C-alpha cells in the first residue's frame, strides 16, 4: 500500500485500487508516537491511520505535519496532549 498527501488531499493506492480523499473529507487529526490518525468528517468515529514508521525521514514528517496543519489546523491531540478548545470547536461545528 502506498499513500501520498498533497495540496489536493490524500491518496491511497495498491496493486488493484486507488482511493482519494479531498481535505474537506477530514475534520481533524491526531498524532501519537506511532501513528497519525485522520478523522473523517462524514462518519462519526471513522478514521484513517498513517503509521509513523512508514514515514521516511524527519523532513518528510515535517512536510506532512505542515500539510495537515495548513489544511486541517493544529492536531486535536499531539503525543497525549489534548487541545480541548479544538475538540470543543469541532464538536459544536
Protein backbone atom coordinates (compact mmCIF):
# COMPACT_ATOMS: atom_id res chain seq x y z
CA UNK A 1 0.00 0.00 0.00
CA UNK A 2 1.29 3.43 -0.91
CA UNK A 3 -0.09 6.71 0.36
CA UNK A 4 0.62 10.30 -0.55
CA UNK A 5 -0.54 13.71 0.63
CA UNK A 6 -0.65 16.85 -1.48
CA UNK A 7 -2.38 20.21 -1.66
CA UNK A 8 -5.36 18.31 -3.14
CA UNK A 9 -5.74 15.74 -0.35
CA UNK A 10 -4.78 12.17 0.44
CA UNK A 11 -4.36 9.22 -1.91
CA UNK A 12 -4.05 5.51 -1.07
CA UNK A 13 -3.06 3.06 -3.79
CA UNK A 14 -2.29 -0.64 -4.04
CA UNK A 15 -1.97 -3.03 -6.99
CA UNK A 16 -5.74 -3.26 -7.55
CA UNK A 17 -7.30 0.00 -6.36
CA UNK A 18 -6.88 3.68 -5.63
CA UNK A 19 -8.76 5.85 -3.14
CA UNK A 20 -8.64 9.64 -2.96
CA UNK A 21 -9.93 11.97 -0.25
CA UNK A 22 -10.11 15.77 -0.56
CA UNK A 23 -9.09 17.70 2.55
CA UNK A 24 -12.78 18.53 3.10
CA UNK A 25 -13.34 14.83 3.87
CA UNK A 26 -11.46 15.26 7.18
CA UNK A 27 -12.49 17.10 10.33
CA UNK A 28 -9.15 16.94 12.13
CA UNK A 29 -6.14 14.82 13.01
CA UNK A 30 -4.41 13.24 15.99
CA UNK A 31 -0.72 12.48 16.36
CA UNK A 32 1.00 9.94 18.62
CA UNK A 33 4.49 8.45 18.66
CA UNK A 34 3.40 5.56 16.41
CA UNK A 35 0.50 6.80 14.28
CA UNK A 36 -1.21 9.82 12.71
CA UNK A 37 -5.00 9.50 12.71
CA UNK A 38 -7.13 11.43 10.22
CA UNK A 39 -10.74 11.87 11.39
CA UNK A 40 -13.32 11.57 8.61
CA UNK A 41 -15.95 14.34 8.58
CA UNK A 42 -18.95 12.41 7.27
CA UNK A 43 -18.75 9.37 9.53
CA UNK A 44 -18.79 9.69 13.32
CA UNK A 45 -15.93 7.70 14.75
CA UNK A 46 -14.45 6.79 11.35
CA UNK A 47 -10.80 7.46 10.71
CA UNK A 48 -7.78 6.63 8.59
CA UNK A 49 -4.39 5.82 10.10
CA UNK A 50 -0.90 6.54 8.85
CA UNK A 51 1.76 4.56 10.76
CA UNK A 52 4.68 6.86 11.52
CA UNK A 53 7.13 4.01 10.82
CA UNK A 54 6.10 4.34 7.15
CA UNK A 55 7.20 8.00 7.07
CA UNK A 56 10.78 8.03 5.85
CA UNK A 57 12.88 10.80 7.35
CA UNK A 58 12.35 13.77 9.63
CA UNK A 59 11.99 16.17 6.69
CA UNK A 60 9.13 14.11 5.23
CA UNK A 61 7.44 14.01 8.64
CA UNK A 62 7.76 17.80 8.97
CA UNK A 63 6.30 18.36 5.47
CA UNK A 64 3.42 16.00 6.32
CA UNK A 65 2.70 17.89 9.55
CA UNK A 66 2.85 21.21 7.66
CA UNK A 67 0.27 19.97 5.11
CA UNK A 68 -2.01 18.71 7.88
CA UNK A 69 -1.79 22.00 9.79
CA UNK A 70 -2.34 24.03 6.62
CA UNK A 71 -5.47 22.11 5.61
CA UNK A 72 -6.90 20.82 8.91
CA UNK A 73 -5.45 23.10 11.59
CA UNK A 74 -3.40 22.01 14.61
CA UNK A 75 -3.65 18.40 15.76
CA UNK A 76 -6.57 17.73 18.13
CA UNK A 77 -4.21 15.58 20.22
CA UNK A 78 -0.43 15.61 19.95
CA UNK A 79 1.51 12.89 21.75
CA UNK A 80 -1.07 12.65 24.52
CA UNK A 81 -1.70 16.41 24.92
CA UNK A 82 -5.37 17.15 24.18
CA UNK A 83 -6.25 20.55 22.73
CA UNK A 84 -9.61 20.89 24.49
CA UNK A 85 -10.56 24.12 22.70
CA UNK A 86 -10.06 22.38 19.36
CA UNK A 87 -12.19 19.40 20.42
CA UNK A 88 -14.98 21.67 21.68
CA UNK A 89 -14.88 23.74 18.49
CA UNK A 90 -15.06 20.66 16.23
CA UNK A 91 -17.87 19.08 18.29
CA UNK A 92 -20.04 22.19 18.12
CA UNK A 93 -19.45 22.83 14.41
